Amino acid sequence: MSFTAVHHERGRLDATLPDLGCGWAWEAVHRVRPPVQLACPECGHGMHAKVSSLGLRFFAHTSGAPTCTLAEESMAHHLLKLELAQAARGAGWLAELEVSGPDGRWRADVLASTASGRRVALKAQLASITIDEIRARTERMSTYGVRACWFSDRSRLPWLGAVPSVRLARQDDGLVAVEPMARFVGTHWTLESSIPLAQFMSRILTWRLASHAPRTPQRHVARPVARLWAHPKCVVAEAKKLRDEEKRQRTVQEEQERAEWRGYARQEAALAERTARTDPDRGGPGTALRTPSRDRSGHRPGCCEVSRANTRNRRLERGRQPVRLRCSPRQRAWSPPRHL
């Protein structure tokens, strides 16, 4: 079963469109003699138009068809693809079903696009799949400039939130998007209420909902996820909160460092004061050299003592080098009288 088929002249036919996407009426391919030559876009085998008991139009493989991925898809998968296409068309986008990449490395169940060239692959995923595989498929499509969004109505999805994805639930009025949608409330993320599939589709295609990796706690949510759907204003609010928190922490850290350096300075000043009080003659880096006004016994020194202290201070200033006294040649040649 498939919603699309290929005609050698008309090109691609879409059974979900009134004119089949090529200007043909459904009666031109359904129950006509001789039958219209149609081929499967996936395997190339022959196909023919059919209508189900509920009035659903589709294309089926003729007898003897090889193994084809489109034929292996379940009816629930096909119906979900149809609803995704209708929701994208309701948002004003062009929706093509079962579109493959240029080299066949990826295939979109529904490819939503605009005239400006924006493309979004809508993927219906009902079968089990690993997180690594679904991430690899998403990255493969992104290399071709195609955003991917995954949809499923299963209750337990291990890969939910690992890629841009949403869990759907069926209610009386149709499918609704349940999770993971959240809003930022100042310090954390909280769960957002469910919305109809058509409204959700319109929001993600027009960037009113963005896939975001939260960096703050998630509260009141069914299960924390790596990526959730949020309004761009909430994303900006979270970024502003993180910047303010980082700035506050940096200010506190700088104040702590300044207080620590002030403590070091007080300790050095106290140590220098104690050293000057216990040994005034000691010199060193950061210690002022001065002539003592009193000796250790408390008496004022005499002129000779002051002179010796000045000489000692000068030696310390010169790196403790001995002082060389200079005299004139006449003084060196002078000798005392012999009668002395």
Protein backbone atom coordinates (compact mmCIF):
# COMPACT_ATOMS: atom_id res chain seq x y z
CA MET A 1 0.00 0.00 0.00
CA SER A 2 1.15 3.50 -0.84
CA PHE A 3 -0.34 6.94 -1.28
CA THR A 4 1.97 7.79 -4.19
CA ALA A 5 2.78 6.29 -7.57
CA VAL A 6 4.83 7.32 -10.59
CA HIS A 7 3.48 7.77 -14.11
CA HIS A 8 5.93 7.91 -17.02
CA GLU A 9 4.30 11.08 -18.42
CA ARG A 10 2.46 12.75 -15.53
CA GLY A 11 5.21 12.15 -13.02
CA ARG A 12 4.40 11.66 -9.35
CA LEU A 13 0.75 10.99 -8.39
CA ASP A 14 -0.58 11.63 -4.88
CA ALA A 15 -3.80 9.86 -3.98
CA THR A 16 -4.47 12.27 -1.08
CA LEU A 17 -4.84 15.28 -3.42
CA PRO A 18 -8.03 15.99 -5.38
CA ASP A 19 -6.17 16.33 -8.70
CA LEU A 20 -3.52 13.71 -7.79
CA GLY A 21 -0.96 16.53 -7.85
CA CYS A 22 -0.72 16.39 -11.64
CA GLY A 23 -4.08 17.68 -12.90
CA TRP A 24 -5.69 14.26 -13.24
CA ALA A 25 -8.97 13.13 -11.71
CA TRP A 26 -9.06 9.95 -9.68
CA GLU A 27 -11.38 8.40 -12.24
CA ALA A 28 -8.59 8.66 -14.81
CA VAL A 29 -6.54 6.00 -13.02
CA HIS A 30 -9.13 3.99 -11.06
CA ARG A 31 -10.84 1.05 -12.77
CA VAL A 32 -9.98 2.06 -16.32
CA ARG A 33 -9.35 -0.22 -19.27
CA PRO A 34 -6.65 -0.67 -20.25
CA PRO A 35 -5.11 0.00 -16.82
CA VAL A 36 -2.82 3.00 -16.46
CA GLN A 37 0.82 2.03 -16.18
CA LEU A 38 1.95 3.11 -12.70
CA ALA A 39 5.10 2.22 -10.76
CA CYS A 40 6.09 2.24 -7.12
CA PRO A 41 8.39 5.18 -6.26
CA GLU A 42 10.35 2.94 -3.88
CA CYS A 43 10.89 -0.39 -5.67
CA GLY A 44 9.72 0.42 -9.21
CA HIS A 45 7.22 -2.45 -9.37
CA GLY A 46 3.84 -1.98 -11.05
CA MET A 47 0.92 -0.51 -9.10
CA HIS A 48 -2.82 0.09 -9.57
CA ALA A 49 -5.33 2.43 -7.93
CA LYS A 50 -7.68 1.13 -5.25
CA VAL A 51 -10.29 2.43 -2.77
CA SER A 52 -10.85 0.88 0.67
CA SER A 53 -14.23 0.07 2.17
CA LEU A 54 -14.02 3.33 4.15
CA GLY A 55 -13.36 5.38 0.99
CA LEU A 56 -9.58 5.74 1.45
CA ARG A 57 -7.80 6.09 -1.89
CA PHE A 58 -4.38 4.47 -2.32
CA PHE A 59 -2.12 2.56 -4.72
CA ALA A 60 -1.35 -1.14 -4.31
CA HIS A 61 1.38 -3.32 -5.77
CA THR A 62 0.46 -5.75 -8.47
CA SER A 63 1.07 -9.45 -7.96
CA GLY A 64 4.63 -10.68 -7.78
CA ALA A 65 5.99 -7.53 -6.14
CA PRO A 66 9.39 -7.75 -4.43
CA THR A 67 9.98 -6.78 -0.84
CA CYS A 68 9.20 -3.07 -0.51
CA THR A 69 9.36 -0.86 2.57
CA LEU A 70 6.15 0.94 1.57
CA ALA A 71 4.26 -2.35 1.34
CA GLU A 72 5.58 -3.42 4.76
CA GLU A 73 4.22 -0.37 6.56
CA SER A 74 1.14 -0.95 8.70
CA MET A 75 -2.24 0.65 8.16
CA ALA A 76 -1.79 2.70 11.36
CA HIS A 77 1.46 4.06 9.94
CA HIS A 78 -0.22 5.07 6.69
CA LEU A 79 -3.10 6.75 8.50
CA LEU A 80 -0.71 8.73 10.71
CA LYS A 81 1.18 9.89 7.61
CA LEU A 82 -2.09 11.05 6.11
CA GLU A 83 -2.99 13.06 9.21
CA LEU A 84 0.47 14.66 9.28
CA ALA A 85 0.10 15.70 5.65
CA GLN A 86 -3.33 17.19 6.27
CA ALA A 87 -2.05 19.14 9.29
CA ALA A 88 0.87 20.56 7.28
CA ARG A 89 -1.43 21.58 4.44
CA GLY A 90 -3.77 23.19 6.93
CA ALA A 91 -0.83 25.34 8.10
CA GLY A 92 -0.36 26.62 4.54
CA TRP A 93 2.61 24.42 3.57
CA LEU A 94 3.05 22.14 0.60
CA ALA A 95 3.03 18.52 1.83
CA GLU A 96 4.35 15.63 -0.27
CA LEU A 97 4.07 12.05 0.93
CA GLU A 98 6.80 9.41 0.76
CA VAL A 99 9.60 11.58 -0.59
CA SER A 100 13.11 10.13 -0.78
CA GLY A 101 16.42 11.98 -0.79
CA PRO A 102 18.48 12.51 -3.96
CA ASP A 103 20.67 9.49 -3.29
CA GLY A 104 18.04 7.45 -1.47
CA ARG A 105 19.82 7.66 1.90
CA TRP A 106 16.73 9.07 3.62
CA ARG A 107 12.99 9.15 3.11
CA ALA A 108 10.41 11.47 4.62
CA ASP A 109 6.93 10.17 5.28
CA VAL A 110 5.73 13.74 4.68
CA LEU A 111 7.97 16.48 3.31
CA ALA A 112 6.56 19.91 4.17
CA SER A 113 8.05 22.77 2.18
CA THR A 114 7.51 26.41 1.25
CA ALA A 115 8.20 28.47 -1.85
CA SER A 116 11.23 30.00 -0.10
CA GLY A 117 12.93 26.61 0.12
CA ARG A 118 12.30 25.69 3.75
CA ARG A 119 11.85 21.94 4.19
CA VAL A 120 10.74 19.90 7.19
CA ALA A 121 10.55 16.10 7.20
CA LEU A 122 7.62 14.78 9.23
CA LYS A 123 8.33 11.22 10.31
CA ALA A 124 5.74 8.79 11.68
CA GLN A 125 7.50 6.26 13.90
CA LEU A 126 5.39 3.45 15.34
CA ALA A 127 7.91 0.60 15.26
CA SER A 128 10.65 0.23 17.85
CA ILE A 129 13.91 2.03 17.13
CA THR A 130 17.08 2.75 19.09
CA ILE A 131 18.18 6.20 20.14
CA ASP A 132 21.42 5.95 18.13
CA GLU A 133 19.55 4.99 14.96
CA ILE A 134 16.97 7.76 15.20
CA ARG A 135 19.73 10.30 15.87
CA ALA A 136 21.68 9.05 12.86
CA ARG A 137 18.62 9.41 10.61
CA THR A 138 17.97 12.92 11.89
CA GLU A 139 21.58 13.99 11.29
CA ARG A 140 21.54 12.42 7.84
CA MET A 141 18.56 14.55 6.82
CA SER A 142 20.04 17.67 8.38
CA THR A 143 23.11 17.36 6.11
CA TYR A 144 20.72 17.91 3.18
CA GLY A 145 19.18 21.00 4.81
CA VAL A 146 16.03 19.18 5.96
CA ARG A 147 14.78 19.52 9.53
CA ALA A 148 13.19 16.39 10.95
CA CYS A 149 10.39 16.00 13.47
CA TRP A 150 9.28 12.59 14.71
CA PHE A 151 5.71 11.67 15.68
CA SER A 152 4.31 8.65 17.47
CA ASP A 153 1.15 7.72 19.36
CA ARG A 154 2.84 5.00 21.43
CA SER A 155 2.74 5.46 25.21
CA ARG A 156 6.35 4.42 25.90
CA LEU A 157 8.98 6.02 23.70
CA PRO A 158 12.61 5.62 24.86
CA TRP A 159 13.80 8.03 22.17
CA LEU A 160 11.32 10.80 23.04
CA GLY A 161 13.31 14.01 23.51
CA ALA A 162 16.54 12.57 22.13
CA VAL A 163 15.62 14.24 18.80
CA PRO A 164 12.91 16.78 17.91
CA SER A 165 9.90 14.60 18.59
CA VAL A 166 6.41 14.60 20.09
CA ARG A 167 4.09 12.02 21.54
CA LEU A 168 0.52 12.07 20.24
CA ALA A 169 -2.68 10.84 21.82
CA ARG A 170 -6.04 10.21 20.22
CA GLN A 171 -9.04 11.96 21.71
CA ASP A 172 -12.63 12.34 20.61
CA ASP A 173 -11.89 15.28 18.34
CA GLY A 174 -8.72 13.76 16.84
CA LEU A 175 -5.00 13.64 17.58
CA VAL A 176 -3.45 15.98 20.16
CA ALA A 177 0.21 16.69 20.97
CA VAL A 178 0.86 15.63 24.57
CA GLU A 179 4.59 15.91 25.33
CA PRO A 180 7.30 17.15 25.63
CA MET A 181 6.03 20.74 25.59
CA ALA A 182 7.02 23.08 28.42
CA ARG A 183 7.34 26.71 29.41
CA PHE A 184 9.95 28.53 31.48
CA VAL A 185 8.62 30.09 34.71
CA GLY A 186 11.69 31.96 35.98
CA THR A 187 13.76 29.20 37.57
CA HIS A 188 12.61 25.95 35.94
CA TRP A 189 10.57 24.37 33.17
CA THR A 190 7.03 23.19 33.77
CA LEU A 191 4.71 21.06 31.66
CA GLU A 192 2.53 22.74 29.04
CA SER A 193 -0.99 21.57 28.32
CA SER A 194 -1.73 19.43 25.26
CA ILE A 195 -2.87 21.04 22.01
CA PRO A 196 -4.46 19.68 18.80
CA LEU A 197 -2.12 18.26 16.18
CA ALA A 198 -3.06 20.93 13.61
CA GLN A 199 -2.22 23.72 16.06
CA PHE A 200 1.06 22.04 17.06
CA MET A 201 2.02 21.58 13.42
CA SER A 202 1.31 25.24 12.66
CA ARG A 203 3.47 26.35 15.59
CA ILE A 204 6.53 24.25 14.77
CA LEU A 205 6.43 25.17 11.08
CA THR A 206 6.21 28.90 11.85
CA TRP A 207 8.85 28.79 14.64
CA ARG A 208 6.33 29.57 17.39
CA LEU A 209 7.55 26.37 18.99
CA ALA A 210 11.23 25.48 18.85
CA SER A 211 13.07 22.31 19.79
CA HIS A 212 15.26 23.34 22.72
CA ALA A 213 17.78 21.58 24.99
CA PRO A 214 16.97 22.90 28.50
CA ARG A 215 19.80 23.85 30.87
CA THR A 216 17.66 24.44 33.96
CA PRO A 217 15.66 21.91 36.02
CA GLN A 218 12.44 20.41 34.66
CA ARG A 219 9.67 20.22 37.24
CA HIS A 220 6.11 18.95 37.08
CA VAL A 221 6.89 17.05 33.88
CA ALA A 222 6.11 13.42 33.20
CA ARG A 223 9.78 12.68 32.54
CA PRO A 224 12.80 14.95 31.97
CA VAL A 225 13.98 14.95 28.37
CA ALA A 226 17.05 16.14 26.52
CA ARG A 227 15.03 18.26 24.09
CA LEU A 228 11.59 19.81 24.53
CA TRP A 229 9.28 22.13 22.62
CA ALA A 230 9.12 25.69 23.91
CA HIS A 231 8.22 29.17 22.75
CA PRO A 232 11.28 31.21 21.62
CA LYS A 233 10.54 33.78 24.35
CA CYS A 234 10.95 31.07 26.99
CA VAL A 235 14.28 30.07 25.44
CA VAL A 236 15.46 33.70 25.61
CA ALA A 237 14.25 34.01 29.22
CA GLU A 238 16.23 30.93 30.25
CA ALA A 239 19.37 32.24 28.55
CA LYS A 240 18.99 35.61 30.33
CA LYS A 241 18.51 33.87 33.69
CA LEU A 242 21.67 31.80 33.16
CA ARG A 243 23.67 34.90 32.16
CA ASP A 244 22.51 36.76 35.28
CA GLU A 245 23.33 33.76 37.46
CA GLU A 246 26.77 33.45 35.91
CA LYS A 247 27.41 37.17 36.41
CA ARG A 248 26.31 36.94 40.05
CA GLN A 249 28.57 33.97 40.70
CA ARG A 250 31.48 35.74 39.03
CA THR A 251 30.91 38.82 41.20
CA VAL A 252 30.81 36.69 44.36
CA GLN A 253 33.99 34.90 43.34
CA GLU A 254 35.80 38.16 42.63
CA GLU A 255 34.70 39.55 46.00
CA GLN A 256 35.98 36.43 47.72
CA GLU A 257 39.32 36.76 45.93
CA ARG A 258 39.60 40.41 46.94
CA ALA A 259 38.78 39.54 50.57
CA GLU A 260 41.39 36.81 50.47
CA TRP A 261 44.03 39.18 49.14
CA ARG A 262 43.11 41.75 51.79
CA GLY A 263 43.61 39.05 54.41
CA TYR A 264 47.03 38.24 52.97
CA ALA A 265 47.98 41.92 52.99
CA ARG A 266 46.94 42.26 56.65
CA GLN A 267 48.97 39.19 57.56
CA GLU A 268 52.08 40.56 55.78
CA ALA A 269 51.68 43.95 57.44
CA ALA A 270 51.31 42.31 60.85
CA LEU A 271 54.38 40.14 60.22
CA ALA A 272 56.44 43.16 59.12
CA GLU A 273 55.34 45.10 62.20
CA ARG A 274 56.30 42.25 64.52
CA THR A 275 59.65 41.88 62.77
CA ALA A 276 60.41 45.60 63.05
CA ARG A 277 59.40 45.54 66.71
CA THR A 278 61.59 42.54 67.63
CA ASP A 279 64.62 43.20 65.37
CA PRO A 280 64.83 46.78 64.09
CA ASP A 281 68.24 46.19 62.46
CA ARG A 282 66.96 43.48 60.19
CA GLY A 283 66.45 44.55 56.59
CA GLY A 284 64.75 42.81 53.79
CA PRO A 285 62.39 43.21 50.93
CA GLY A 286 59.57 45.51 51.87
CA THR A 287 61.23 46.56 55.14
CA ALA A 288 62.27 50.20 55.47
CA LEU A 289 65.86 50.73 56.66
CA ARG A 290 66.13 53.39 59.28
CA THR A 291 68.47 54.55 61.98
CA PRO A 292 67.28 53.40 65.39
CA SER A 293 66.41 56.25 67.73
CA ARG A 294 66.98 54.09 70.81
CA ASP A 295 68.96 50.94 71.49
CA ARG A 296 67.50 47.75 72.91
CA SER A 297 68.04 48.91 76.47
CA GLY A 298 65.97 52.03 75.83
CA HIS A 299 68.86 54.56 75.83
CA ARG A 300 69.50 57.01 73.04
CA PRO A 301 72.66 56.07 71.10
CA GLY A 302 75.60 58.39 70.83
CA CYS A 303 77.16 59.88 67.71
CA CYS A 304 79.46 56.91 67.18
CA GLU A 305 76.58 54.49 67.53
CA VAL A 306 74.49 56.47 65.07
CA SER A 307 77.41 56.52 62.62
CA ARG A 308 77.86 52.77 62.91
CA ALA A 309 74.13 52.25 62.38
CA ASN A 310 74.18 54.45 59.27
CA THR A 311 77.14 52.53 57.89
CA ARG A 312 75.39 49.24 58.59
CA ASN A 313 72.23 50.45 56.82
CA ARG A 314 74.23 51.57 53.80
CA ARG A 315 75.86 48.15 53.59
CA LEU A 316 72.48 46.50 53.70
CA GLU A 317 71.24 48.79 50.94
CA ARG A 318 74.24 47.85 48.80
CA GLY A 319 73.64 44.14 49.25
CA ARG A 320 75.83 43.74 52.33
CA GLN A 321 79.01 44.61 50.40
CA PRO A 322 81.90 45.99 52.45
CA VAL A 323 82.33 49.74 52.23
CA ARG A 324 85.64 50.80 50.61
CA LEU A 325 86.99 54.05 52.08
CA ARG A 326 88.53 56.42 49.59
CA CYS A 327 91.54 58.73 50.40
CA SER A 328 93.76 61.02 48.39
CA PRO A 329 97.36 60.08 47.32
CA ARG A 330 98.73 62.61 49.79
CA GLN A 331 96.91 60.91 52.63
CA ARG A 332 98.19 57.52 51.53
CA ALA A 333 101.81 58.83 51.35
CA TRP A 334 101.66 60.49 54.75
CA SER A 335 103.52 58.78 57.56
CA PRO A 336 103.67 59.78 61.20
CA PRO A 337 106.86 61.57 62.53
CA ARG A 338 109.53 59.29 63.90
CA HIS A 339 109.54 60.90 67.31
CA LEU A 340 105.92 59.88 67.75
